N, C-alpha and C. Protein backbone atom coordinates (compact mmCIF):
# COMPACT_ATOMS: atom_id res chain seq x y z
N MET A 1 -4.88 5.57 38.30
CA MET A 1 -4.11 6.59 37.58
C MET A 1 -4.27 7.94 38.26
N THR A 2 -3.18 8.59 38.48
CA THR A 2 -3.24 9.95 39.02
C THR A 2 -3.27 10.92 37.85
N MET A 3 -3.70 12.14 38.15
CA MET A 3 -3.83 13.16 37.10
C MET A 3 -2.48 13.50 36.49
N LYS A 4 -1.40 13.41 37.28
CA LYS A 4 -0.08 13.81 36.79
C LYS A 4 0.73 12.65 36.25
N GLU A 5 0.18 11.45 36.33
CA GLU A 5 0.92 10.30 35.84
C GLU A 5 1.14 10.41 34.33
N LYS A 6 2.36 10.13 33.89
CA LYS A 6 2.67 10.20 32.46
C LYS A 6 2.33 8.88 31.80
N ILE A 7 1.59 8.98 30.70
CA ILE A 7 1.20 7.81 29.93
C ILE A 7 2.02 7.81 28.64
N ARG A 8 2.69 6.71 28.37
CA ARG A 8 3.52 6.66 27.16
C ARG A 8 2.66 6.34 25.93
N LEU A 9 2.99 7.02 24.83
CA LEU A 9 2.26 6.87 23.58
C LEU A 9 3.19 6.40 22.47
N LYS A 10 2.60 5.88 21.41
CA LYS A 10 3.35 5.53 20.20
C LYS A 10 2.58 6.05 19.00
N VAL A 11 3.27 6.24 17.89
CA VAL A 11 2.61 6.67 16.66
C VAL A 11 1.99 5.44 16.02
N VAL A 12 0.66 5.49 15.84
CA VAL A 12 -0.07 4.37 15.23
C VAL A 12 -0.15 4.56 13.72
N GLY A 13 -0.38 5.80 13.29
CA GLY A 13 -0.47 6.05 11.85
C GLY A 13 -1.02 7.41 11.52
N LEU A 14 -1.27 7.60 10.25
CA LEU A 14 -1.83 8.85 9.73
C LEU A 14 -3.07 8.54 8.91
N THR A 15 -4.03 9.43 8.96
CA THR A 15 -5.22 9.29 8.14
C THR A 15 -5.69 10.69 7.75
N TYR A 16 -6.55 10.77 6.75
CA TYR A 16 -7.10 12.08 6.38
C TYR A 16 -8.02 12.55 7.49
N SER A 17 -7.95 13.83 7.80
CA SER A 17 -8.80 14.39 8.85
C SER A 17 -10.24 14.47 8.37
N GLN A 18 -11.16 13.96 9.18
CA GLN A 18 -12.58 14.07 8.87
C GLN A 18 -13.15 15.41 9.34
N ILE A 19 -12.35 16.13 10.11
CA ILE A 19 -12.81 17.39 10.70
C ILE A 19 -12.41 18.59 9.86
N GLN A 20 -11.18 18.58 9.37
CA GLN A 20 -10.62 19.76 8.71
C GLN A 20 -10.12 19.39 7.32
N SER A 21 -10.66 20.06 6.31
CA SER A 21 -10.28 19.78 4.93
C SER A 21 -8.81 20.13 4.70
N GLY A 22 -8.09 19.27 3.99
CA GLY A 22 -6.69 19.51 3.68
C GLY A 22 -5.74 19.18 4.81
N ALA A 23 -6.28 18.69 5.93
CA ALA A 23 -5.44 18.35 7.08
C ALA A 23 -5.44 16.84 7.28
N TYR A 24 -4.58 16.40 8.16
CA TYR A 24 -4.44 14.98 8.47
C TYR A 24 -4.62 14.77 9.96
N ALA A 25 -4.95 13.55 10.33
CA ALA A 25 -5.02 13.18 11.74
C ALA A 25 -3.87 12.23 12.04
N LEU A 26 -3.01 12.65 12.94
CA LEU A 26 -1.94 11.80 13.44
C LEU A 26 -2.52 11.01 14.60
N ILE A 27 -2.48 9.69 14.52
CA ILE A 27 -3.06 8.86 15.56
C ILE A 27 -1.98 8.36 16.50
N LEU A 28 -2.11 8.74 17.76
CA LEU A 28 -1.19 8.28 18.80
C LEU A 28 -1.91 7.24 19.64
N GLY A 29 -1.24 6.14 19.93
CA GLY A 29 -1.85 5.08 20.70
C GLY A 29 -1.19 4.90 22.04
N GLN A 30 -1.99 4.58 23.04
CA GLN A 30 -1.48 4.30 24.37
C GLN A 30 -0.72 2.98 24.33
N ILE A 31 0.51 2.97 24.82
CA ILE A 31 1.27 1.72 24.90
C ILE A 31 0.68 0.86 26.01
N ASP A 32 0.42 -0.39 25.70
CA ASP A 32 -0.19 -1.33 26.65
C ASP A 32 -1.55 -0.83 27.14
N GLY A 33 -2.29 -0.20 26.24
CA GLY A 33 -3.61 0.29 26.61
C GLY A 33 -4.48 0.48 25.37
N PRO A 34 -5.78 0.69 25.58
CA PRO A 34 -6.72 0.73 24.44
C PRO A 34 -6.93 2.09 23.79
N TYR A 35 -6.44 3.16 24.42
CA TYR A 35 -6.77 4.51 23.94
C TYR A 35 -5.98 4.93 22.71
N ARG A 36 -6.66 5.69 21.84
CA ARG A 36 -6.04 6.33 20.68
C ARG A 36 -6.40 7.82 20.73
N ILE A 37 -5.41 8.66 20.40
CA ILE A 37 -5.63 10.10 20.39
C ILE A 37 -5.42 10.63 18.96
N PRO A 38 -6.42 11.28 18.36
CA PRO A 38 -6.22 11.90 17.05
C PRO A 38 -5.73 13.34 17.19
N VAL A 39 -4.63 13.66 16.54
CA VAL A 39 -4.08 15.02 16.57
C VAL A 39 -4.12 15.57 15.15
N VAL A 40 -4.89 16.63 14.92
CA VAL A 40 -5.00 17.21 13.59
C VAL A 40 -3.72 17.99 13.28
N ILE A 41 -3.10 17.65 12.14
CA ILE A 41 -1.84 18.31 11.75
C ILE A 41 -1.92 18.72 10.28
N GLY A 42 -1.04 19.61 9.88
CA GLY A 42 -1.00 20.09 8.50
C GLY A 42 -0.32 19.11 7.56
N ALA A 43 -0.50 19.34 6.27
CA ALA A 43 0.07 18.45 5.25
C ALA A 43 1.60 18.38 5.29
N PRO A 44 2.33 19.50 5.46
CA PRO A 44 3.80 19.39 5.49
C PRO A 44 4.31 18.51 6.64
N GLU A 45 3.69 18.67 7.81
CA GLU A 45 4.10 17.86 8.96
C GLU A 45 3.72 16.39 8.76
N ALA A 46 2.54 16.17 8.16
CA ALA A 46 2.11 14.80 7.87
C ALA A 46 3.09 14.14 6.89
N GLN A 47 3.52 14.90 5.90
CA GLN A 47 4.47 14.40 4.91
C GLN A 47 5.79 14.03 5.59
N SER A 48 6.26 14.89 6.49
CA SER A 48 7.52 14.65 7.18
C SER A 48 7.44 13.40 8.04
N ILE A 49 6.32 13.22 8.72
CA ILE A 49 6.14 12.04 9.57
C ILE A 49 6.00 10.79 8.71
N ALA A 50 5.25 10.90 7.61
CA ALA A 50 5.00 9.74 6.75
C ALA A 50 6.29 9.19 6.14
N ILE A 51 7.17 10.07 5.67
CA ILE A 51 8.38 9.56 5.03
C ILE A 51 9.30 8.88 6.04
N GLU A 52 9.27 9.35 7.29
CA GLU A 52 10.07 8.69 8.32
C GLU A 52 9.47 7.34 8.69
N LEU A 53 8.14 7.28 8.81
CA LEU A 53 7.48 6.02 9.14
C LEU A 53 7.68 4.99 8.05
N GLU A 54 7.74 5.44 6.80
CA GLU A 54 7.90 4.52 5.67
C GLU A 54 9.36 4.21 5.36
N GLY A 55 10.29 4.88 6.08
CA GLY A 55 11.70 4.62 5.87
C GLY A 55 12.24 5.19 4.56
N ILE A 56 11.59 6.24 4.06
CA ILE A 56 12.03 6.86 2.81
C ILE A 56 13.12 7.89 3.13
N ILE A 57 14.21 7.84 2.38
CA ILE A 57 15.30 8.80 2.58
C ILE A 57 15.23 9.86 1.48
N PRO A 58 14.90 11.10 1.84
CA PRO A 58 14.81 12.15 0.82
C PRO A 58 16.20 12.51 0.29
N PRO A 59 16.27 13.03 -0.95
CA PRO A 59 17.57 13.38 -1.51
C PRO A 59 18.26 14.52 -0.75
N ARG A 60 17.47 15.38 -0.13
CA ARG A 60 18.01 16.45 0.71
C ARG A 60 17.30 16.41 2.06
N PRO A 61 17.99 16.76 3.14
CA PRO A 61 17.34 16.67 4.45
C PRO A 61 16.19 17.65 4.59
N MET A 62 15.11 17.15 5.19
CA MET A 62 13.97 18.02 5.49
C MET A 62 14.26 18.73 6.81
N THR A 63 13.40 19.66 7.18
CA THR A 63 13.62 20.48 8.38
C THR A 63 13.83 19.62 9.63
N HIS A 64 12.99 18.61 9.81
CA HIS A 64 13.11 17.78 11.01
C HIS A 64 14.37 16.92 10.97
N ASP A 65 14.79 16.51 9.77
CA ASP A 65 16.06 15.78 9.63
C ASP A 65 17.22 16.68 10.02
N LEU A 66 17.17 17.92 9.56
CA LEU A 66 18.22 18.90 9.86
C LEU A 66 18.30 19.14 11.37
N PHE A 67 17.14 19.23 12.01
CA PHE A 67 17.11 19.44 13.46
C PHE A 67 17.75 18.26 14.18
N GLU A 68 17.44 17.05 13.72
CA GLU A 68 18.04 15.86 14.33
C GLU A 68 19.55 15.87 14.16
N SER A 69 20.02 16.20 12.96
CA SER A 69 21.47 16.25 12.70
C SER A 69 22.15 17.29 13.57
N PHE A 70 21.50 18.42 13.76
CA PHE A 70 22.03 19.50 14.58
C PHE A 70 22.23 19.04 16.03
N THR A 71 21.21 18.38 16.59
CA THR A 71 21.32 17.94 17.98
C THR A 71 22.43 16.90 18.14
N HIS A 72 22.54 16.00 17.18
CA HIS A 72 23.59 14.97 17.25
C HIS A 72 24.97 15.60 17.15
N ALA A 73 25.10 16.58 16.26
CA ALA A 73 26.41 17.22 16.05
C ALA A 73 26.91 17.90 17.32
N PHE A 74 26.00 18.41 18.13
CA PHE A 74 26.39 19.12 19.35
C PHE A 74 26.21 18.27 20.61
N GLY A 75 25.96 16.98 20.44
CA GLY A 75 25.86 16.08 21.60
C GLY A 75 24.66 16.33 22.46
N ILE A 76 23.57 16.77 21.84
CA ILE A 76 22.33 17.04 22.59
C ILE A 76 21.36 15.90 22.33
N LYS A 77 20.69 15.44 23.38
CA LYS A 77 19.76 14.32 23.25
C LYS A 77 18.35 14.77 23.63
N LEU A 78 17.39 14.35 22.79
CA LEU A 78 15.98 14.58 23.14
C LEU A 78 15.56 13.48 24.11
N LEU A 79 15.26 13.87 25.34
CA LEU A 79 14.90 12.89 26.36
C LEU A 79 13.45 12.45 26.25
N GLN A 80 12.57 13.41 25.92
CA GLN A 80 11.16 13.06 25.82
C GLN A 80 10.36 14.18 25.15
N VAL A 81 9.21 13.77 24.62
CA VAL A 81 8.16 14.70 24.19
C VAL A 81 7.03 14.54 25.20
N TYR A 82 6.50 15.65 25.67
CA TYR A 82 5.44 15.61 26.67
C TYR A 82 4.26 16.46 26.20
N ILE A 83 3.15 15.81 25.90
CA ILE A 83 1.92 16.53 25.53
C ILE A 83 1.22 16.84 26.85
N TYR A 84 1.34 18.08 27.28
CA TYR A 84 0.95 18.41 28.66
C TYR A 84 -0.39 19.13 28.79
N LYS A 85 -0.96 19.62 27.66
CA LYS A 85 -2.21 20.37 27.77
C LYS A 85 -3.03 20.23 26.50
N PHE A 86 -4.35 20.22 26.68
CA PHE A 86 -5.28 20.27 25.55
C PHE A 86 -6.30 21.36 25.86
N GLU A 87 -6.33 22.37 24.98
CA GLU A 87 -7.21 23.52 25.23
C GLU A 87 -7.70 24.08 23.90
N ASP A 88 -9.00 24.31 23.81
CA ASP A 88 -9.62 24.87 22.59
C ASP A 88 -9.23 24.09 21.34
N GLY A 89 -9.18 22.77 21.46
CA GLY A 89 -8.90 21.92 20.31
C GLY A 89 -7.43 21.81 19.94
N ILE A 90 -6.54 22.37 20.76
CA ILE A 90 -5.11 22.37 20.46
C ILE A 90 -4.35 21.59 21.53
N PHE A 91 -3.46 20.71 21.07
CA PHE A 91 -2.55 20.00 21.98
C PHE A 91 -1.28 20.83 22.15
N TYR A 92 -0.84 20.97 23.39
CA TYR A 92 0.40 21.71 23.70
C TYR A 92 1.47 20.72 24.13
N SER A 93 2.65 20.87 23.55
CA SER A 93 3.74 19.93 23.83
C SER A 93 5.03 20.66 24.19
N GLU A 94 5.90 19.92 24.85
CA GLU A 94 7.23 20.44 25.16
C GLU A 94 8.25 19.33 24.94
N LEU A 95 9.44 19.76 24.58
CA LEU A 95 10.56 18.86 24.34
C LEU A 95 11.58 19.04 25.47
N THR A 96 12.06 17.95 26.03
CA THR A 96 13.09 18.02 27.05
C THR A 96 14.41 17.53 26.47
N PHE A 97 15.40 18.42 26.41
CA PHE A 97 16.71 18.11 25.87
C PHE A 97 17.75 18.06 26.98
N SER A 98 18.82 17.29 26.73
CA SER A 98 19.94 17.24 27.67
C SER A 98 21.25 17.22 26.89
N ASP A 99 22.24 17.95 27.42
CA ASP A 99 23.59 17.90 26.83
C ASP A 99 24.53 17.11 27.74
N GLY A 100 23.94 16.43 28.73
CA GLY A 100 24.74 15.64 29.67
C GLY A 100 24.93 16.36 30.99
N ASP A 101 24.95 17.69 30.95
CA ASP A 101 25.13 18.48 32.17
C ASP A 101 23.83 19.15 32.63
N ARG A 102 23.06 19.59 31.70
CA ARG A 102 21.83 20.28 32.06
C ARG A 102 20.69 19.88 31.14
N GLN A 103 19.48 20.12 31.62
CA GLN A 103 18.28 19.84 30.83
C GLN A 103 17.58 21.14 30.49
N ILE A 104 17.06 21.19 29.27
CA ILE A 104 16.33 22.37 28.82
C ILE A 104 15.00 21.90 28.25
N VAL A 105 13.92 22.60 28.63
CA VAL A 105 12.58 22.28 28.14
C VAL A 105 12.14 23.38 27.19
N LEU A 106 11.73 22.98 25.98
CA LEU A 106 11.29 23.95 24.97
C LEU A 106 9.86 23.65 24.54
N ASP A 107 9.09 24.71 24.35
CA ASP A 107 7.73 24.59 23.86
C ASP A 107 7.77 24.21 22.37
N SER A 108 6.80 23.44 21.91
CA SER A 108 6.79 22.99 20.52
C SER A 108 5.37 22.70 20.07
N ARG A 109 5.14 22.86 18.76
CA ARG A 109 3.90 22.34 18.19
C ARG A 109 3.97 20.81 18.30
N THR A 110 2.87 20.19 18.57
CA THR A 110 2.85 18.74 18.76
C THR A 110 3.30 18.02 17.49
N SER A 111 2.90 18.49 16.33
CA SER A 111 3.29 17.83 15.07
C SER A 111 4.80 17.85 14.89
N ASP A 112 5.44 18.98 15.18
CA ASP A 112 6.90 19.07 15.07
C ASP A 112 7.58 18.17 16.11
N ALA A 113 7.03 18.18 17.31
CA ALA A 113 7.60 17.36 18.39
C ALA A 113 7.58 15.88 18.02
N ILE A 114 6.47 15.42 17.45
CA ILE A 114 6.36 14.01 17.07
C ILE A 114 7.30 13.69 15.92
N ALA A 115 7.38 14.59 14.94
CA ALA A 115 8.26 14.37 13.79
C ALA A 115 9.72 14.21 14.23
N ILE A 116 10.11 14.98 15.24
CA ILE A 116 11.48 14.88 15.77
C ILE A 116 11.63 13.62 16.62
N ALA A 117 10.62 13.31 17.42
CA ALA A 117 10.68 12.15 18.31
C ALA A 117 10.84 10.85 17.54
N ILE A 118 10.13 10.71 16.43
CA ILE A 118 10.25 9.44 15.69
C ILE A 118 11.61 9.31 15.02
N ARG A 119 12.24 10.44 14.71
CA ARG A 119 13.58 10.40 14.12
C ARG A 119 14.64 10.06 15.16
N THR A 120 14.45 10.53 16.38
CA THR A 120 15.43 10.31 17.44
C THR A 120 15.07 9.11 18.33
N LYS A 121 13.97 8.44 17.98
CA LYS A 121 13.48 7.29 18.78
C LYS A 121 13.28 7.68 20.25
N SER A 122 12.74 8.87 20.46
CA SER A 122 12.52 9.37 21.82
C SER A 122 11.10 9.06 22.28
N PRO A 123 10.90 8.86 23.58
CA PRO A 123 9.57 8.53 24.08
C PRO A 123 8.61 9.73 24.03
N ILE A 124 7.34 9.43 23.86
CA ILE A 124 6.27 10.42 23.81
C ILE A 124 5.32 10.13 24.96
N TYR A 125 4.99 11.16 25.72
CA TYR A 125 4.10 10.99 26.88
C TYR A 125 2.96 12.00 26.85
N THR A 126 1.89 11.65 27.57
CA THR A 126 0.83 12.61 27.86
C THR A 126 0.31 12.31 29.26
N THR A 127 -0.71 13.03 29.68
CA THR A 127 -1.30 12.79 30.99
C THR A 127 -2.52 11.90 30.87
N SER A 128 -2.90 11.25 31.95
CA SER A 128 -4.12 10.43 31.94
C SER A 128 -5.35 11.30 31.71
N GLU A 129 -5.28 12.55 32.17
CA GLU A 129 -6.40 13.47 31.99
C GLU A 129 -6.62 13.76 30.50
N ILE A 130 -5.54 14.05 29.76
CA ILE A 130 -5.66 14.31 28.33
C ILE A 130 -6.09 13.05 27.59
N LEU A 131 -5.55 11.92 28.00
CA LEU A 131 -5.88 10.65 27.36
C LEU A 131 -7.38 10.37 27.43
N THR A 132 -7.97 10.53 28.59
CA THR A 132 -9.39 10.23 28.74
C THR A 132 -10.27 11.32 28.15
N ALA A 133 -9.78 12.56 28.12
CA ALA A 133 -10.58 13.67 27.58
C ALA A 133 -10.62 13.69 26.06
N THR A 134 -9.53 13.28 25.42
CA THR A 134 -9.43 13.40 23.96
C THR A 134 -9.37 12.06 23.23
N GLY A 135 -9.12 10.99 23.98
CA GLY A 135 -8.92 9.70 23.34
C GLY A 135 -10.20 8.94 23.07
N PHE A 136 -10.06 7.91 22.27
CA PHE A 136 -11.16 6.98 22.01
C PHE A 136 -10.59 5.58 22.07
N VAL A 137 -11.47 4.60 22.22
CA VAL A 137 -11.05 3.22 22.34
C VAL A 137 -11.49 2.47 21.09
N LEU A 138 -10.55 1.76 20.46
CA LEU A 138 -10.88 0.94 19.29
C LEU A 138 -11.40 -0.41 19.77
N ASP A 139 -12.45 -0.88 19.11
CA ASP A 139 -12.98 -2.20 19.45
C ASP A 139 -12.03 -3.30 19.02
N SER A 140 -11.36 -3.06 17.87
CA SER A 140 -10.44 -4.07 17.34
C SER A 140 -9.30 -3.40 16.61
N ASP A 141 -8.12 -3.97 16.73
CA ASP A 141 -6.95 -3.43 16.03
C ASP A 141 -6.66 -4.20 14.75
N THR A 142 -7.62 -4.98 14.30
CA THR A 142 -7.35 -5.80 13.12
C THR A 142 -7.11 -4.96 11.88
N ALA A 143 -7.79 -3.81 11.79
CA ALA A 143 -7.56 -2.90 10.65
C ALA A 143 -7.05 -1.59 11.22
N THR A 144 -5.78 -1.31 11.00
CA THR A 144 -5.20 -0.10 11.58
C THR A 144 -5.62 1.11 10.79
N LEU A 145 -5.55 2.27 11.41
CA LEU A 145 -5.91 3.52 10.75
C LEU A 145 -4.98 3.82 9.60
N ARG A 146 -3.73 3.39 9.70
CA ARG A 146 -2.79 3.63 8.60
C ARG A 146 -3.26 2.89 7.35
N SER A 147 -3.64 1.63 7.50
CA SER A 147 -4.06 0.89 6.32
C SER A 147 -5.37 1.43 5.78
N ASP A 148 -6.27 1.88 6.66
CA ASP A 148 -7.50 2.50 6.18
C ASP A 148 -7.19 3.72 5.34
N SER A 149 -6.25 4.53 5.81
CA SER A 149 -5.87 5.74 5.07
C SER A 149 -5.29 5.38 3.72
N ASP A 150 -4.41 4.37 3.70
CA ASP A 150 -3.78 3.99 2.45
C ASP A 150 -4.80 3.42 1.48
N ASP A 151 -5.79 2.65 1.99
CA ASP A 151 -6.80 2.10 1.11
C ASP A 151 -7.60 3.21 0.45
N ASN A 152 -7.93 4.26 1.22
CA ASN A 152 -8.65 5.40 0.65
C ASN A 152 -7.84 6.04 -0.46
N ALA A 153 -6.54 6.19 -0.22
CA ALA A 153 -5.68 6.81 -1.23
C ALA A 153 -5.56 5.91 -2.45
N ILE A 154 -5.48 4.60 -2.22
CA ILE A 154 -5.34 3.68 -3.34
C ILE A 154 -6.61 3.63 -4.18
N ASN A 155 -7.79 3.73 -3.51
CA ASN A 155 -9.04 3.70 -4.25
C ASN A 155 -9.16 4.85 -5.22
N ALA A 156 -8.49 5.96 -4.91
CA ALA A 156 -8.52 7.10 -5.81
C ALA A 156 -7.71 6.82 -7.07
N GLU A 157 -6.73 5.92 -7.00
CA GLU A 157 -5.91 5.53 -8.14
C GLU A 157 -5.82 4.00 -8.17
N PRO A 158 -6.93 3.33 -8.53
CA PRO A 158 -6.98 1.88 -8.37
C PRO A 158 -5.95 1.11 -9.19
N LYS A 159 -5.51 1.63 -10.32
CA LYS A 159 -4.63 0.88 -11.20
C LYS A 159 -3.23 0.71 -10.63
N ILE A 160 -2.82 1.57 -9.72
CA ILE A 160 -1.45 1.52 -9.21
C ILE A 160 -1.17 0.21 -8.47
N GLU A 161 -2.20 -0.41 -7.91
CA GLU A 161 -2.02 -1.69 -7.21
C GLU A 161 -1.58 -2.81 -8.16
N ASN A 162 -1.91 -2.65 -9.44
CA ASN A 162 -1.60 -3.69 -10.42
C ASN A 162 -0.20 -3.56 -11.01
N TYR A 163 0.52 -2.50 -10.66
CA TYR A 163 1.88 -2.32 -11.17
C TYR A 163 2.79 -3.41 -10.60
N ALA A 164 3.78 -3.78 -11.38
CA ALA A 164 4.81 -4.70 -10.89
C ALA A 164 5.68 -3.95 -9.89
N ILE A 165 6.36 -4.69 -9.02
CA ILE A 165 7.20 -4.05 -8.00
C ILE A 165 8.27 -3.19 -8.65
N GLU A 166 8.84 -3.66 -9.75
CA GLU A 166 9.89 -2.88 -10.44
C GLU A 166 9.34 -1.53 -10.92
N GLU A 167 8.09 -1.55 -11.43
CA GLU A 167 7.46 -0.30 -11.90
C GLU A 167 7.19 0.62 -10.72
N LEU A 168 6.74 0.03 -9.62
CA LEU A 168 6.46 0.83 -8.43
C LEU A 168 7.74 1.46 -7.89
N GLU A 169 8.84 0.70 -7.91
CA GLU A 169 10.11 1.24 -7.42
C GLU A 169 10.60 2.39 -8.28
N ALA A 170 10.38 2.29 -9.60
CA ALA A 170 10.75 3.39 -10.50
C ALA A 170 9.90 4.62 -10.21
N LEU A 171 8.60 4.38 -9.98
CA LEU A 171 7.69 5.49 -9.66
C LEU A 171 8.06 6.11 -8.32
N LEU A 172 8.44 5.27 -7.35
CA LEU A 172 8.87 5.74 -6.04
C LEU A 172 10.08 6.66 -6.17
N ALA A 173 11.07 6.22 -6.96
CA ALA A 173 12.28 7.02 -7.16
C ALA A 173 11.94 8.37 -7.79
N LYS A 174 11.01 8.37 -8.72
CA LYS A 174 10.60 9.61 -9.39
C LYS A 174 9.97 10.59 -8.40
N HIS A 175 9.08 10.07 -7.54
CA HIS A 175 8.43 10.94 -6.54
C HIS A 175 9.45 11.49 -5.54
N ILE A 176 10.42 10.67 -5.16
CA ILE A 176 11.45 11.14 -4.21
C ILE A 176 12.29 12.23 -4.86
N ASP A 177 12.68 12.01 -6.12
CA ASP A 177 13.47 13.02 -6.85
C ASP A 177 12.72 14.35 -6.96
N ASN A 178 11.39 14.25 -7.10
CA ASN A 178 10.56 15.46 -7.22
C ASN A 178 10.13 16.00 -5.85
N GLU A 179 10.62 15.36 -4.78
CA GLU A 179 10.30 15.75 -3.40
C GLU A 179 8.79 15.67 -3.13
N GLU A 180 8.15 14.69 -3.76
CA GLU A 180 6.72 14.44 -3.53
C GLU A 180 6.60 13.29 -2.53
N TYR A 181 6.90 13.61 -1.28
CA TYR A 181 7.10 12.57 -0.28
C TYR A 181 5.79 11.90 0.15
N GLU A 182 4.69 12.63 0.08
CA GLU A 182 3.42 12.03 0.46
C GLU A 182 3.05 10.91 -0.51
N GLU A 183 3.21 11.18 -1.82
CA GLU A 183 2.94 10.16 -2.84
C GLU A 183 3.94 9.01 -2.71
N ALA A 184 5.20 9.36 -2.42
CA ALA A 184 6.23 8.33 -2.26
C ALA A 184 5.88 7.39 -1.12
N ALA A 185 5.35 7.93 -0.04
CA ALA A 185 4.99 7.11 1.12
C ALA A 185 3.87 6.13 0.76
N LYS A 186 2.91 6.58 -0.05
CA LYS A 186 1.82 5.70 -0.47
C LYS A 186 2.36 4.54 -1.31
N ILE A 187 3.25 4.88 -2.24
CA ILE A 187 3.80 3.86 -3.12
C ILE A 187 4.67 2.88 -2.34
N GLN A 188 5.45 3.40 -1.38
CA GLN A 188 6.28 2.53 -0.55
C GLN A 188 5.41 1.54 0.22
N ASN A 189 4.25 2.00 0.66
CA ASN A 189 3.34 1.13 1.40
C ASN A 189 2.81 0.00 0.51
N ILE A 190 2.51 0.33 -0.75
CA ILE A 190 2.04 -0.68 -1.70
C ILE A 190 3.14 -1.70 -1.97
N ILE A 191 4.38 -1.21 -2.15
CA ILE A 191 5.52 -2.11 -2.37
C ILE A 191 5.68 -3.06 -1.19
N ASN A 192 5.56 -2.51 0.02
CA ASN A 192 5.69 -3.34 1.22
C ASN A 192 4.63 -4.45 1.26
N LYS A 193 3.39 -4.08 0.91
CA LYS A 193 2.30 -5.06 0.92
C LYS A 193 2.53 -6.15 -0.12
N LYS A 194 2.98 -5.73 -1.31
CA LYS A 194 3.24 -6.70 -2.37
C LYS A 194 4.40 -7.63 -1.99
N SER A 195 5.43 -7.07 -1.37
CA SER A 195 6.60 -7.86 -0.97
C SER A 195 6.23 -8.90 0.09
N GLN A 196 5.30 -8.54 0.98
CA GLN A 196 4.87 -9.47 2.04
C GLN A 196 4.08 -10.64 1.46
N LYS A 197 3.42 -10.41 0.31
CA LYS A 197 2.60 -11.48 -0.28
C LYS A 197 3.44 -12.49 -1.04
N LYS A 198 4.71 -12.14 -1.34
CA LYS A 198 5.56 -13.06 -2.10
C LYS A 198 5.92 -14.30 -1.30
């Protein structure tokens, strides 16, 4: 691996940050590789990423949804997200856009860049240097960080697991109507698990 080689990443999941109270850790995983990178992000960005990962459609577009609609309306495509620097505990990212004739690179917070990338199905890259400096290797992928996070959330409200799917769907609709997307994502995850067991 060369220092400038781009390593492709994927979103593995979200979990509560063990470092910063009230924050979340977005886990990015190396595609075809063992490394995972934790990126500490705020609750609003975590909520935006979670509802997209869970396939929840909010009643009104969120900021990242609006940004995606804007780029589509003007024929602009996000070519890639590139996490190019890690300094003083902060990841620095840039977005590369194209309108077919020219390319423009814009600086972005990593959390916003990822939230947009998952909506536009755009690739996410970093350098091998950042990967080895900030990443860790999981011994086993049998229990993903997303499910660990959800189990922690479920343990705080143990009775919700016993709800029927119809009750959960009603509760999900209520949270979406109230724009409580973080709670909606948790409930959607429980519904998915129950549906798989049928």
